[in-house]
Amino acid sequence: MPKFNKSEADRVQILMAVYRVEEKDTDIVVTFNIPLSAVDGGAVAGDNLAKLQSDFDAFVKSFKIVDFDLFA
């Protein structure tokens, strides 16, 4: 479904990681939304798509919480 009064919907790849923080009874959700086709021409393809996927993988592998006081 198109958003923001656009004539057609963009095609988007969504990368998602969910981290369960049992000590605080909460979840952290991280998403990268990558436009694959966009009416405004802002699509990502080729090497740029591979770079974003690599960046997401690096983020997921390196993510850590250093201050649990951020959570209520």
N, C-alpha and C. Protein backbone atom coordinates (compact mmCIF):
# COMPACT_ATOMS: atom_id res chain seq x y z
N MET A 1 0.84 -1.17 0.00
CA MET A 1 0.00 0.00 0.00
C MET A 1 0.90 1.25 0.00
N PRO A 2 0.68 2.17 -0.90
CA PRO A 2 1.48 3.40 -0.97
C PRO A 2 1.31 4.25 0.29
N LYS A 3 2.39 4.91 0.65
CA LYS A 3 2.37 5.82 1.79
C LYS A 3 2.61 7.25 1.31
N PHE A 4 2.28 8.17 2.15
CA PHE A 4 2.56 9.59 1.91
C PHE A 4 2.01 10.09 0.57
N ASN A 5 0.81 9.64 0.21
CA ASN A 5 0.12 10.07 -1.01
C ASN A 5 0.89 9.77 -2.29
N LYS A 6 1.74 8.74 -2.27
CA LYS A 6 2.46 8.34 -3.48
C LYS A 6 1.53 7.50 -4.36
N SER A 7 1.83 7.49 -5.66
CA SER A 7 0.98 6.77 -6.60
C SER A 7 1.19 5.26 -6.55
N GLU A 8 2.37 4.81 -6.14
CA GLU A 8 2.61 3.38 -6.02
C GLU A 8 3.51 3.12 -4.81
N ALA A 9 3.43 1.89 -4.31
CA ALA A 9 4.19 1.52 -3.11
C ALA A 9 5.66 1.28 -3.45
N ASP A 10 6.54 1.66 -2.53
CA ASP A 10 7.94 1.30 -2.64
C ASP A 10 8.11 -0.16 -2.25
N ARG A 11 9.15 -0.80 -2.76
CA ARG A 11 9.49 -2.16 -2.36
C ARG A 11 10.66 -2.05 -1.38
N VAL A 12 10.52 -2.64 -0.19
CA VAL A 12 11.50 -2.46 0.87
C VAL A 12 11.91 -3.82 1.43
N GLN A 13 13.23 -3.98 1.62
CA GLN A 13 13.74 -5.16 2.32
C GLN A 13 13.94 -4.76 3.77
N ILE A 14 13.45 -5.58 4.69
CA ILE A 14 13.56 -5.28 6.11
C ILE A 14 14.46 -6.32 6.76
N LEU A 15 15.54 -5.85 7.37
CA LEU A 15 16.42 -6.71 8.15
C LEU A 15 16.10 -6.44 9.62
N MET A 16 15.91 -7.50 10.41
CA MET A 16 15.48 -7.31 11.79
C MET A 16 16.24 -8.23 12.74
N ALA A 17 16.59 -7.69 13.89
CA ALA A 17 17.16 -8.47 14.98
C ALA A 17 16.39 -8.13 16.25
N VAL A 18 16.10 -9.16 17.04
CA VAL A 18 15.39 -8.97 18.31
C VAL A 18 16.29 -9.51 19.42
N TYR A 19 16.53 -8.66 20.40
CA TYR A 19 17.34 -9.04 21.56
C TYR A 19 16.44 -9.07 22.79
N ARG A 20 16.43 -10.18 23.49
CA ARG A 20 15.66 -10.31 24.71
C ARG A 20 16.56 -9.91 25.88
N VAL A 21 16.12 -8.95 26.69
CA VAL A 21 16.85 -8.51 27.87
C VAL A 21 16.08 -9.06 29.07
N GLU A 22 16.41 -10.28 29.47
CA GLU A 22 15.64 -10.95 30.51
C GLU A 22 15.71 -10.23 31.84
N GLU A 23 16.88 -9.64 32.15
CA GLU A 23 17.04 -8.95 33.43
C GLU A 23 16.06 -7.79 33.60
N LYS A 24 15.62 -7.22 32.49
CA LYS A 24 14.71 -6.07 32.52
C LYS A 24 13.34 -6.41 31.94
N ASP A 25 13.12 -7.68 31.60
CA ASP A 25 11.85 -8.14 31.06
C ASP A 25 11.40 -7.27 29.87
N THR A 26 12.31 -7.10 28.92
CA THR A 26 12.02 -6.27 27.74
C THR A 26 12.75 -6.82 26.52
N ASP A 27 12.38 -6.32 25.38
CA ASP A 27 13.04 -6.68 24.12
C ASP A 27 13.58 -5.41 23.47
N ILE A 28 14.66 -5.57 22.73
CA ILE A 28 15.19 -4.50 21.88
C ILE A 28 15.07 -4.99 20.44
N VAL A 29 14.45 -4.18 19.60
CA VAL A 29 14.28 -4.53 18.20
C VAL A 29 15.06 -3.53 17.35
N VAL A 30 15.90 -4.07 16.47
CA VAL A 30 16.68 -3.24 15.56
C VAL A 30 16.27 -3.60 14.14
N THR A 31 15.94 -2.60 13.33
CA THR A 31 15.60 -2.87 11.93
C THR A 31 16.38 -1.95 11.00
N PHE A 32 16.75 -2.48 9.88
CA PHE A 32 17.27 -1.70 8.76
C PHE A 32 16.20 -1.83 7.67
N ASN A 33 15.68 -0.74 7.19
CA ASN A 33 14.70 -0.72 6.10
C ASN A 33 15.41 -0.24 4.84
N ILE A 34 15.54 -1.12 3.87
CA ILE A 34 16.31 -0.84 2.67
C ILE A 34 15.37 -0.73 1.48
N PRO A 35 15.24 0.46 0.89
CA PRO A 35 14.37 0.61 -0.29
C PRO A 35 14.98 -0.07 -1.52
N LEU A 36 14.26 -1.04 -2.08
CA LEU A 36 14.73 -1.74 -3.28
C LEU A 36 14.20 -1.09 -4.55
N SER A 37 13.02 -0.49 -4.46
CA SER A 37 12.49 0.32 -5.55
C SER A 37 11.69 1.43 -4.90
N ALA A 38 11.85 2.63 -5.41
CA ALA A 38 11.19 3.78 -4.78
C ALA A 38 10.76 4.77 -5.85
N VAL A 39 9.58 5.31 -5.67
CA VAL A 39 9.04 6.29 -6.62
C VAL A 39 9.95 7.51 -6.71
N ASP A 40 10.55 7.88 -5.57
CA ASP A 40 11.40 9.08 -5.56
C ASP A 40 12.83 8.81 -6.02
N GLY A 41 13.12 7.57 -6.44
CA GLY A 41 14.45 7.24 -6.96
C GLY A 41 15.46 6.91 -5.89
N GLY A 42 15.05 6.75 -4.65
CA GLY A 42 15.97 6.50 -3.55
C GLY A 42 16.27 5.04 -3.31
N ALA A 43 16.19 4.21 -4.32
CA ALA A 43 16.41 2.77 -4.16
C ALA A 43 17.89 2.45 -4.00
N VAL A 44 18.14 1.33 -3.34
CA VAL A 44 19.49 0.82 -3.12
C VAL A 44 19.64 -0.46 -3.93
N ALA A 45 20.78 -0.64 -4.58
CA ALA A 45 21.00 -1.85 -5.38
C ALA A 45 22.47 -2.19 -5.43
N GLY A 46 22.75 -3.36 -5.96
CA GLY A 46 24.12 -3.80 -6.23
C GLY A 46 25.02 -3.80 -5.01
N ASP A 47 26.20 -3.18 -5.19
CA ASP A 47 27.21 -3.14 -4.13
C ASP A 47 26.70 -2.42 -2.89
N ASN A 48 25.86 -1.40 -3.07
CA ASN A 48 25.33 -0.67 -1.92
C ASN A 48 24.42 -1.56 -1.08
N LEU A 49 23.64 -2.41 -1.73
CA LEU A 49 22.78 -3.34 -1.00
C LEU A 49 23.63 -4.34 -0.22
N ALA A 50 24.64 -4.87 -0.84
CA ALA A 50 25.54 -5.81 -0.16
C ALA A 50 26.23 -5.14 1.02
N LYS A 51 26.61 -3.88 0.87
CA LYS A 51 27.26 -3.13 1.96
C LYS A 51 26.31 -2.95 3.13
N LEU A 52 25.05 -2.60 2.86
CA LEU A 52 24.08 -2.44 3.94
C LEU A 52 23.82 -3.76 4.66
N GLN A 53 23.75 -4.85 3.92
CA GLN A 53 23.55 -6.15 4.55
C GLN A 53 24.76 -6.52 5.41
N SER A 54 25.96 -6.20 4.92
CA SER A 54 27.17 -6.44 5.69
C SER A 54 27.21 -5.57 6.95
N ASP A 55 26.79 -4.31 6.83
CA ASP A 55 26.73 -3.42 7.99
C ASP A 55 25.76 -3.95 9.03
N PHE A 56 24.62 -4.45 8.59
CA PHE A 56 23.64 -5.02 9.51
C PHE A 56 24.23 -6.23 10.23
N ASP A 57 24.86 -7.11 9.49
CA ASP A 57 25.48 -8.30 10.10
C ASP A 57 26.53 -7.90 11.14
N ALA A 58 27.33 -6.89 10.82
CA ALA A 58 28.36 -6.42 11.75
C ALA A 58 27.70 -5.84 13.00
N PHE A 59 26.62 -5.08 12.82
CA PHE A 59 25.91 -4.51 13.96
C PHE A 59 25.38 -5.61 14.87
N VAL A 60 24.72 -6.60 14.26
CA VAL A 60 24.10 -7.68 15.03
C VAL A 60 25.16 -8.44 15.84
N LYS A 61 26.30 -8.67 15.23
CA LYS A 61 27.36 -9.43 15.91
C LYS A 61 28.04 -8.63 17.02
N SER A 62 28.05 -7.31 16.90
CA SER A 62 28.79 -6.49 17.85
C SER A 62 27.92 -5.80 18.90
N PHE A 63 26.60 -5.86 18.76
CA PHE A 63 25.71 -5.15 19.67
C PHE A 63 25.86 -5.67 21.09
N LYS A 64 25.99 -4.74 22.03
CA LYS A 64 25.98 -5.12 23.43
C LYS A 64 25.48 -3.94 24.25
N ILE A 65 24.84 -4.25 25.34
CA ILE A 65 24.32 -3.23 26.24
C ILE A 65 25.39 -2.98 27.29
N VAL A 66 25.80 -1.73 27.43
CA VAL A 66 26.83 -1.40 28.41
C VAL A 66 26.25 -0.72 29.64
N ASP A 67 25.02 -0.24 29.56
CA ASP A 67 24.40 0.44 30.70
C ASP A 67 22.95 -0.04 30.85
N PHE A 68 22.75 -1.01 31.71
CA PHE A 68 21.40 -1.56 31.92
C PHE A 68 20.50 -0.57 32.67
N ASP A 69 21.06 0.49 33.22
CA ASP A 69 20.24 1.51 33.89
C ASP A 69 19.41 2.31 32.91
N LEU A 70 19.64 2.16 31.61
CA LEU A 70 18.82 2.83 30.60
C LEU A 70 17.39 2.29 30.61
N PHE A 71 17.21 1.10 31.18
CA PHE A 71 15.91 0.45 31.20
C PHE A 71 15.27 0.66 32.57
N ALA A 72 13.97 0.92 32.58
CA ALA A 72 13.26 1.14 33.85
C ALA A 72 13.23 -0.11 34.69
